């Protein structure tokens, strides 16, 4: 297993005045701070979404209605509304938990900022001191080197003059050489002193750089750990919310399992039943039957052959008979009806004399269907073979079929 890499071993620079390694580390921490803000913004927006969703679910559940339903489906729907409201409340609680996690991240980020600022201040101080002393040392070095060159030149000039020069010139050259040598020595002292100070500052800077690298690596380690754990917790919170939602909806499914369609229908019938029998059919009541009924007991009077037959004949398209023809063929006896209906109609009962009898065995065929409108009429269908017993002058013929006898419109028959 490879040893863990360290910031303090990997972020140096050979250039004495350059601080590239430190700048790279500082930028890494600033980028990490931005990442913290991005995660915080994600949690903030997710918390807002969860809160909106939860509140809308609660509002939907409370406004859902369903009061018109009854029995087990009503109970299932009420359970759905209740559990939906519970789901909404749980999402609101999730929003609160996310905001708490958000607050923790913000506090962590601010703590890291304060720690980083402390190290930044120290590093800025030692870096400025190092650069300043380095500049001063380099300037003293230049002075020292120049003084040394001047001393060498003065010494060489003194040696040339001392061999064949005048005494006065020799002394002057000797004094100049001595002064240059003293200046060189002073410059050397200053230069050496600056180098010592620079080394002291450099050593301090190196220690601070190592300490800063270690602190920055620790901050980066903490940041990565915190963000990783925060994202893990966030995913766990969402997963737990899904499980909780499913548990709440499972309560609804349990209620729906007890919802019986047949039981609901039976319950509705038992609670709202209005009766077990339909209304009786409305019977047909012939107006003229009511009028001629009192005459049915008179001897020699046929109750169904009065005005009703004449009106029915007209309705079914039978030939019209004039009053004179009827008088010639039969003798009519008019009986006034009691004056209780005198203001409306004067109902009459007609005693019709039988017409000429048809020949025995004379059959007719029905041309059209006819549905009896009264008890003394006969139902016929097109194509039926009928035996005509009596041809009435009013268009109604008495016929017989299969032992049944009744009136039918004569215009509905043709002779075979």
Protein backbone atom coordinates (compact mmCIF):
# COMPACT_ATOMS: atom_id res chain seq x y z
CA UNK A 1 0.00 0.00 0.00
CA UNK A 2 1.38 3.35 -1.05
CA UNK A 3 1.92 5.91 1.71
CA UNK A 4 -0.54 8.79 1.89
CA UNK A 5 0.68 11.83 -0.03
CA UNK A 6 1.07 15.01 1.96
CA UNK A 7 0.58 18.65 0.97
CA UNK A 8 3.73 19.63 2.86
CA UNK A 9 5.83 17.38 0.62
CA UNK A 10 4.35 18.32 -2.72
CA UNK A 11 3.82 22.08 -2.85
CA UNK A 12 7.26 23.74 -2.85
CA UNK A 13 8.92 25.92 -5.44
CA UNK A 14 12.65 26.28 -6.24
CA UNK A 15 12.26 29.98 -6.92
CA UNK A 16 12.95 31.71 -3.60
CA UNK A 17 10.54 34.56 -4.34
CA UNK A 18 7.74 32.42 -5.82
CA UNK A 19 4.83 31.03 -3.75
CA UNK A 20 3.13 28.92 -6.39
CA UNK A 21 2.59 25.90 -4.12
CA UNK A 22 0.87 27.97 -1.47
CA UNK A 23 -1.29 29.70 -4.07
CA UNK A 24 -2.40 26.35 -5.52
CA UNK A 25 -3.41 25.11 -2.06
CA UNK A 26 -5.22 28.33 -1.25
CA UNK A 27 -7.17 28.13 -4.52
CA UNK A 28 -8.11 24.53 -3.70
CA UNK A 29 -9.61 25.66 -0.39
CA UNK A 30 -11.48 28.51 -2.08
CA UNK A 31 -12.86 26.06 -4.65
CA UNK A 32 -13.86 23.76 -1.80
CA UNK A 33 -15.68 26.65 -0.14
CA UNK A 34 -17.62 27.24 -3.36
CA UNK A 35 -18.48 23.54 -3.46
CA UNK A 36 -19.86 23.82 0.06
CA UNK A 37 -22.06 26.69 -1.08
CA UNK A 38 -23.26 24.64 -4.05
CA UNK A 39 -24.26 21.76 -1.78
CA UNK A 40 -25.95 24.21 0.57
CA UNK A 41 -27.90 25.69 -2.33
CA UNK A 42 -28.97 22.20 -3.41
CA UNK A 43 -30.23 21.42 0.08
CA UNK A 44 -31.92 24.82 0.31
CA UNK A 45 -33.82 24.36 -2.93
CA UNK A 46 -34.70 20.76 -2.10
CA UNK A 47 -36.02 21.86 1.28
CA UNK A 48 -38.14 24.52 -0.41
CA UNK A 49 -39.46 21.96 -2.89
CA UNK A 50 -40.27 19.46 -0.12
CA UNK A 51 -42.05 22.16 1.87
CA UNK A 52 -44.10 23.30 -1.13
CA UNK A 53 -44.93 19.71 -2.01
CA UNK A 54 -45.92 18.88 1.55
CA UNK A 55 -48.13 21.95 1.91
CA UNK A 56 -49.81 21.29 -1.43
CA UNK A 57 -50.48 17.67 -0.46
CA UNK A 58 -52.05 18.80 2.81
CA UNK A 59 -54.17 21.35 0.96
CA UNK A 60 -55.25 18.81 -1.65
CA UNK A 61 -56.19 16.29 1.04
CA UNK A 62 -58.24 18.84 2.96
CA UNK A 63 -60.12 20.02 -0.13
CA UNK A 64 -60.65 16.60 -1.69
CA UNK A 65 -64.34 16.34 -0.76
CA UNK A 66 -65.86 12.88 -1.22
CA UNK A 67 -68.72 13.51 1.21
CA UNK A 68 -71.23 12.14 -1.29
CA UNK A 69 -69.76 8.63 -1.18
CA UNK A 70 -71.00 6.03 1.31
CA UNK A 71 -70.01 2.77 2.94
CA UNK A 72 -66.60 1.12 2.44
CA UNK A 73 -65.45 3.21 -0.53
CA UNK A 74 -66.11 6.32 1.54
CA UNK A 75 -63.91 4.87 4.29
CA UNK A 76 -61.17 4.07 1.77
CA UNK A 77 -61.30 7.56 0.30
CA UNK A 78 -61.21 9.13 3.76
CA UNK A 79 -58.20 6.95 4.55
CA UNK A 80 -56.49 8.14 1.36
CA UNK A 81 -57.11 11.77 2.30
CA UNK A 82 -55.81 11.23 5.81
CA UNK A 83 -52.69 9.41 4.67
CA UNK A 84 -52.09 11.99 1.95
CA UNK A 85 -52.20 14.67 4.61
CA UNK A 86 -49.79 12.59 6.71
CA UNK A 87 -47.46 12.26 3.72
CA UNK A 88 -47.59 16.01 3.24
CA UNK A 89 -46.76 16.58 6.90
CA UNK A 90 -43.84 14.14 6.69
CA UNK A 91 -42.45 16.02 3.69
CA UNK A 92 -42.70 19.25 5.65
CA UNK A 93 -40.73 17.56 8.43
CA UNK A 94 -38.19 16.43 5.83
CA UNK A 95 -37.82 20.05 4.74
CA UNK A 96 -37.04 21.00 8.34
CA UNK A 97 -34.42 18.23 8.56
CA UNK A 98 -32.83 19.42 5.32
CA UNK A 99 -32.67 22.97 6.64
CA UNK A 100 -31.00 21.69 9.80
CA UNK A 101 -28.40 19.90 7.68
CA UNK A 102 -28.01 23.10 5.67
CA UNK A 103 -27.39 25.09 8.84
CA UNK A 104 -24.69 22.61 9.92
CA UNK A 105 -22.92 22.94 6.58
CA UNK A 106 -23.01 26.73 6.77
CA UNK A 107 -21.49 26.66 10.25
CA UNK A 108 -18.78 24.23 9.10
CA UNK A 109 -17.95 26.42 6.12
CA UNK A 110 -17.66 29.52 8.30
CA UNK A 111 -15.40 27.71 10.77
CA UNK A 112 -13.11 26.66 7.96
CA UNK A 113 -13.07 30.21 6.67
CA UNK A 114 -11.96 31.56 10.05
CA UNK A 115 -9.20 28.96 10.33
CA UNK A 116 -8.02 29.59 6.80
CA UNK A 117 -7.92 33.35 7.39
CA UNK A 118 -5.59 32.87 10.36
CA UNK A 119 -3.11 30.86 8.30
CA UNK A 120 -3.45 33.28 5.40
CA UNK A 121 -2.52 36.19 7.68
CA UNK A 122 0.57 34.40 9.01
CA UNK A 123 1.67 33.33 5.54
CA UNK A 124 1.19 36.82 4.15
CA UNK A 125 3.35 38.24 6.95
CA UNK A 126 6.24 35.78 6.59
CA UNK A 127 6.12 35.93 2.81
CA UNK A 128 6.32 39.71 2.81
CA UNK A 129 9.15 39.62 5.36
CA UNK A 130 10.99 37.00 3.32
CA UNK A 131 10.64 39.00 0.11
CA UNK A 132 11.68 42.22 1.80
CA UNK A 133 14.80 40.72 3.40
CA UNK A 134 15.64 38.88 0.22
CA UNK A 135 15.57 42.14 -1.68
CA UNK A 136 17.67 43.83 0.99
CA UNK A 137 20.16 40.97 1.00
CA UNK A 138 20.48 41.05 -2.77
CA UNK A 139 21.11 44.80 -2.69
CA UNK A 140 23.72 44.41 0.07
CA UNK A 141 25.30 41.66 -1.99
CA UNK A 142 25.62 43.97 -4.94
CA UNK A 143 27.15 46.65 -2.72
CA UNK A 144 29.50 44.15 -1.18
CA UNK A 145 30.63 42.88 -4.57
CA UNK A 146 31.14 46.40 -5.84
CA UNK A 147 33.16 47.35 -2.78
CA UNK A 148 35.30 44.27 -3.23
CA UNK A 149 36.01 45.18 -6.84
CA UNK A 150 36.89 48.74 -5.77
CA UNK A 151 39.24 47.40 -3.07
CA UNK A 152 40.93 45.11 -5.58
CA UNK A 153 41.38 47.95 -8.03
CA UNK A 154 42.83 50.23 -5.31
CA UNK A 155 45.21 47.48 -4.20
CA UNK A 156 46.43 46.91 -7.72
CA UNK A 157 46.95 50.66 -8.25
CA UNK A 158 48.91 50.89 -5.01
CA UNK A 159 51.19 48.06 -6.10
CA UNK A 160 51.95 49.77 -9.43
CA UNK A 161 52.69 53.16 -7.87
CA UNK A 162 54.76 51.79 -4.99
CA UNK A 163 57.42 50.40 -7.35
CA UNK A 164 58.44 53.57 -9.19
CA UNK A 165 56.19 56.35 -7.96
CA UNK A 166 56.78 59.34 -5.75
CA UNK A 167 56.38 59.04 -2.03
CA UNK A 168 53.37 61.33 -1.94
CA UNK A 169 51.56 59.39 -4.62
CA UNK A 170 52.41 56.12 -2.90
CA UNK A 171 50.95 57.30 0.38
CA UNK A 172 47.83 58.57 -1.34
CA UNK A 173 47.34 55.29 -3.18
CA UNK A 174 47.96 53.35 0.01
CA UNK A 175 45.31 55.34 1.89
CA UNK A 176 42.79 54.81 -0.90
CA UNK A 177 43.43 51.09 -0.96
CA UNK A 178 42.98 50.93 2.77
CA UNK A 179 39.69 52.89 2.60
CA UNK A 180 38.35 50.65 -0.15
CA UNK A 181 39.31 47.59 1.82
CA UNK A 182 37.54 48.93 4.91
CA UNK A 183 34.44 49.71 2.83
CA UNK A 184 34.51 46.22 1.40
CA UNK A 185 34.75 44.72 4.82
CA UNK A 186 31.81 46.85 6.03
CA UNK A 187 29.78 45.87 3.00
CA UNK A 188 30.62 42.25 3.68
CA UNK A 189 29.45 42.62 7.27
CA UNK A 190 26.16 44.18 6.19
CA UNK A 191 25.67 41.58 3.49
CA UNK A 192 26.41 38.73 5.88
CA UNK A 193 24.05 40.23 8.45
CA UNK A 194 21.25 40.51 5.88
CA UNK A 195 21.82 36.95 4.78
CA UNK A 196 21.57 35.75 8.37
CA UNK A 197 18.34 37.68 8.86
CA UNK A 198 17.01 36.34 5.58
CA UNK A 199 17.86 32.81 6.60
CA UNK A 200 16.07 33.32 9.86
CA UNK A 201 12.97 34.58 8.06
CA UNK A 202 13.25 31.83 5.45
CA UNK A 203 13.34 29.22 8.19
CA UNK A 204 10.30 30.77 9.80
CA UNK A 205 8.52 30.89 6.45
CA UNK A 206 9.35 27.25 5.78
CA UNK A 207 7.93 26.20 9.14
CA UNK A 208 4.79 28.26 8.54
CA UNK A 209 4.46 26.85 5.05
CA UNK A 210 4.65 23.30 6.37
CA UNK A 211 2.17 24.09 9.13
CA UNK A 212 -0.13 25.77 6.62
CA UNK A 213 0.09 22.81 4.26
CA UNK A 214 -0.81 20.45 7.08
CA UNK A 215 -3.69 22.69 8.18
CA UNK A 216 -4.97 23.05 4.63
CA UNK A 217 -4.78 19.30 4.09
CA UNK A 218 -6.71 18.76 7.29
CA UNK A 219 -9.31 21.30 6.16
CA UNK A 220 -9.62 19.60 2.81
CA UNK A 221 -9.93 16.22 4.50
CA UNK A 222 -12.64 17.55 6.82
CA UNK A 223 -14.47 19.25 3.97
CA UNK A 224 -14.51 16.14 1.80
CA UNK A 225 -15.60 14.02 4.75
CA UNK A 226 -18.36 16.41 5.78
CA UNK A 227 -19.72 16.85 2.26
CA UNK A 228 -19.58 13.11 1.59
CA UNK A 229 -21.44 12.39 4.81
CA UNK A 230 -23.90 15.19 4.11
CA UNK A 231 -24.75 13.81 0.68
CA UNK A 232 -25.02 10.32 2.16
CA UNK A 233 -27.37 11.56 4.87
CA UNK A 234 -29.36 13.45 2.26
CA UNK A 235 -29.84 10.30 0.17
CA UNK A 236 -30.78 8.34 3.29
CA UNK A 237 -33.34 10.99 4.21
CA UNK A 238 -34.92 10.78 0.77
CA UNK A 239 -34.91 6.97 0.86
CA UNK A 240 -36.48 6.94 4.31
CA UNK A 241 -39.08 9.40 3.10
CA UNK A 242 -39.95 7.09 0.22
CA UNK A 243 -40.28 4.18 2.65
CA UNK A 244 -42.43 6.26 4.97
CA UNK A 245 -44.63 7.35 2.07
CA UNK A 246 -45.08 3.73 1.06
CA UNK A 247 -45.97 2.74 4.61
CA UNK A 248 -48.61 5.46 4.76
CA UNK A 249 -50.04 4.48 1.40
CA UNK A 250 -50.00 0.85 2.50
CA UNK A 251 -52.57 1.86 5.12
CA UNK A 252 -54.77 3.02 2.25
CA UNK A 253 -54.25 -0.24 0.38
CA UNK A 254 -55.26 -2.19 3.49
CA UNK A 255 -58.44 -0.14 3.66
CA UNK A 256 -59.08 -0.71 -0.04
CA UNK A 257 -58.74 -4.46 0.48
CA UNK A 258 -61.75 -4.20 2.77
CA UNK A 259 -63.70 -2.21 0.20
CA UNK A 260 -66.41 -4.45 -1.28
CA UNK A 261 -68.32 -3.32 -4.34
CA UNK A 262 -71.17 -5.74 -3.67
CA UNK A 263 -71.37 -4.73 -0.02
CA UNK A 264 -71.51 -1.05 -0.96
CA UNK A 265 -74.31 -1.70 -3.43
CA UNK A 266 -76.21 -3.79 -0.86
CA UNK A 267 -75.71 -1.13 1.76
CA UNK A 268 -77.01 1.58 -0.52
CA UNK A 269 -80.07 -0.49 -1.38
CA UNK A 270 -80.79 -1.22 2.27
CA UNK A 271 -80.37 2.40 3.31
CA UNK A 272 -82.12 4.12 0.41
CA UNK A 273 -84.62 1.54 -0.87
CA UNK A 274 -87.92 3.15 -1.99
CA UNK A 275 -89.97 0.01 -2.60
CA UNK A 276 -89.87 -3.51 -4.00
CA UNK A 277 -92.79 -3.37 -6.50
CA UNK A 278 -93.10 -1.26 -9.66
CA UNK A 279 -96.28 0.76 -10.28
CA UNK A 280 -99.20 -1.08 -11.87
CA UNK A 281 -99.88 -0.43 -15.59
CA UNK A 282 -102.25 2.44 -16.35
CA UNK A 283 -105.37 0.82 -17.94
CA UNK A 284 -106.96 2.17 -21.09
CA UNK A 285 -110.42 3.58 -20.36
CA UNK A 286 -112.69 4.15 -23.35
CA UNK A 287 -114.81 7.21 -22.88
CA UNK A 288 -117.83 5.76 -24.61
CA UNK A 289 -117.65 2.49 -22.70
CA UNK A 290 -118.26 4.52 -19.57
CA UNK A 291 -121.25 6.22 -21.18
CA UNK A 292 -123.01 3.13 -22.58
CA UNK A 293 -122.31 0.87 -19.59
CA UNK A 294 -125.66 1.65 -17.88
CA UNK A 295 -127.53 0.48 -20.99
CA UNK A 296 -125.96 -2.95 -21.12
CA UNK A 297 -128.69 -4.39 -18.95
CA UNK A 298 -131.50 -3.34 -21.33
CA UNK A 299 -132.93 -6.24 -23.32
CA UNK A 300 -132.21 -6.28 -27.03
CA UNK A 301 -129.43 -3.64 -26.79
CA UNK A 302 -125.83 -4.38 -27.84
CA UNK A 303 -123.59 -2.19 -25.63
CA UNK A 304 -120.61 -2.19 -27.98
CA UNK A 305 -122.44 -1.20 -31.15
CA UNK A 306 -123.25 2.42 -30.33
CA UNK A 307 -121.41 5.59 -31.25
CA UNK A 308 -118.07 4.01 -30.33
CA UNK A 309 -118.38 1.67 -33.31
CA UNK A 310 -119.12 4.49 -35.66
CA UNK A 311 -116.17 6.55 -34.44
CA UNK A 312 -113.91 3.50 -34.52
CA UNK A 313 -114.99 2.79 -38.03
CA UNK A 314 -113.82 6.21 -39.07
CA UNK A 315 -110.48 5.77 -37.30
CA UNK A 316 -109.74 2.48 -39.04
CA UNK A 317 -110.63 3.73 -42.51
CA UNK A 318 -113.97 1.84 -42.89
CA UNK A 319 -116.47 3.23 -45.43
CA UNK A 320 -118.62 6.02 -44.17
CA UNK A 321 -122.38 5.28 -43.90
CA UNK A 322 -124.87 8.07 -44.16
CA UNK A 323 -127.70 8.49 -41.76
CA UNK A 324 -130.29 7.80 -44.44
CA UNK A 325 -128.70 4.52 -45.46
CA UNK A 326 -128.51 3.45 -41.87
CA UNK A 327 -132.18 4.29 -41.41
CA UNK A 328 -133.16 2.20 -44.42
CA UNK A 329 -131.20 -0.83 -43.28
CA UNK A 330 -132.08 -0.88 -39.65
CA UNK A 331 -134.39 0.44 -37.03
CA UNK A 332 -132.71 2.63 -34.41
CA UNK A 333 -134.04 3.15 -30.94
CA UNK A 334 -132.70 6.28 -29.26
CA UNK A 335 -132.60 6.26 -25.51
CA UNK A 336 -131.61 9.50 -23.78
CA UNK A 337 -128.87 9.29 -21.16
CA UNK A 338 -129.46 10.72 -17.72
CA UNK A 339 -128.71 14.43 -17.60
CA UNK A 340 -125.37 14.02 -15.67
CA UNK A 341 -123.55 14.09 -19.05
CA UNK A 342 -126.10 16.08 -20.93
CA UNK A 343 -123.84 19.12 -21.20
CA UNK A 344 -121.10 17.15 -22.98
CA UNK A 345 -122.42 14.36 -25.15
CA UNK A 346 -125.73 12.65 -25.56
CA UNK A 347 -124.71 9.04 -25.46
CA UNK A 348 -126.95 6.70 -27.36
CA UNK A 349 -127.30 2.96 -27.61
CA UNK A 350 -128.08 1.56 -31.03
CA UNK A 351 -129.92 -1.64 -31.65
CA UNK A 352 -128.75 -2.81 -35.02
CA UNK A 353 -130.75 -5.22 -37.07
CA UNK A 354 -128.61 -8.00 -38.47
CA UNK A 355 -127.61 -7.50 -42.12
CA UNK A 356 -127.98 -10.15 -44.69
CA UNK A 357 -126.14 -13.26 -43.59
CA UNK A 358 -123.19 -14.38 -45.57
CA UNK A 359 -123.18 -17.65 -47.29
CA UNK A 360 -121.86 -20.55 -45.19
CA UNK A 361 -118.23 -21.41 -45.82
CA UNK A 362 -117.39 -17.93 -47.21
CA UNK A 363 -113.84 -17.12 -46.09
CA UNK A 364 -111.85 -13.86 -46.15
CA UNK A 365 -108.14 -13.07 -45.84
CA UNK A 366 -106.79 -10.31 -43.59
CA UNK A 367 -104.89 -7.62 -45.56
CA UNK A 368 -103.43 -5.78 -42.54
CA UNK A 369 -102.64 -6.33 -38.90
CA UNK A 370 -105.23 -5.11 -36.43
CA UNK A 371 -104.96 -4.89 -32.66
CA UNK A 372 -108.21 -5.12 -30.71
CA UNK A 373 -109.18 -1.88 -29.00
CA UNK A 374 -111.99 -3.44 -26.94
CA UNK A 375 -112.96 -6.75 -25.44
CA UNK A 376 -115.48 -7.54 -28.20
CA UNK A 377 -112.89 -7.04 -30.97
CA UNK A 378 -110.53 -9.64 -32.38
CA UNK A 379 -106.77 -9.40 -32.99
CA UNK A 380 -105.80 -10.31 -36.55
CA UNK A 381 -102.58 -10.46 -38.53
CA UNK A 382 -102.04 -9.97 -42.24
CA UNK A 383 -102.64 -13.28 -44.02
CA UNK A 384 -105.03 -14.76 -41.43
CA UNK A 385 -108.00 -16.73 -42.89
CA UNK A 386 -111.27 -15.63 -41.25
CA UNK A 387 -114.89 -16.77 -41.55
CA UNK A 388 -117.26 -13.80 -41.86
CA UNK A 389 -120.40 -14.27 -39.80
CA UNK A 390 -122.03 -10.84 -40.24
CA UNK A 391 -121.22 -7.77 -42.37
CA UNK A 392 -122.23 -4.72 -40.33
CA UNK A 393 -123.51 -1.59 -42.10
CA UNK A 394 -121.17 0.56 -39.97
CA UNK A 395 -118.11 -1.17 -41.49
CA UNK A 396 -117.49 -3.54 -38.58
CA UNK A 397 -117.82 -7.19 -39.47
CA UNK A 398 -118.32 -10.09 -37.13
CA UNK A 399 -115.77 -12.80 -37.90
CA UNK A 400 -114.75 -16.13 -36.46
CA UNK A 401 -111.29 -17.75 -36.29
CA UNK A 402 -110.40 -20.96 -34.46
CA UNK A 403 -113.58 -20.77 -32.43
CA UNK A 404 -112.99 -17.12 -31.42
CA UNK A 405 -115.53 -14.49 -32.53
CA UNK A 406 -115.24 -10.71 -32.57
CA UNK A 407 -115.43 -7.46 -34.54
CA UNK A 408 -112.82 -6.41 -37.12
CA UNK A 409 -112.82 -3.58 -39.71
CA UNK A 410 -114.37 -4.88 -42.95
CA UNK A 411 -111.95 -2.78 -45.01
CA UNK A 412 -109.09 -4.90 -43.64
CA UNK A 413 -110.46 -8.08 -45.36
CA UNK A 414 -110.58 -9.42 -48.92
CA UNK A 415 -112.61 -12.28 -50.21
CA UNK A 416 -110.79 -15.44 -51.12
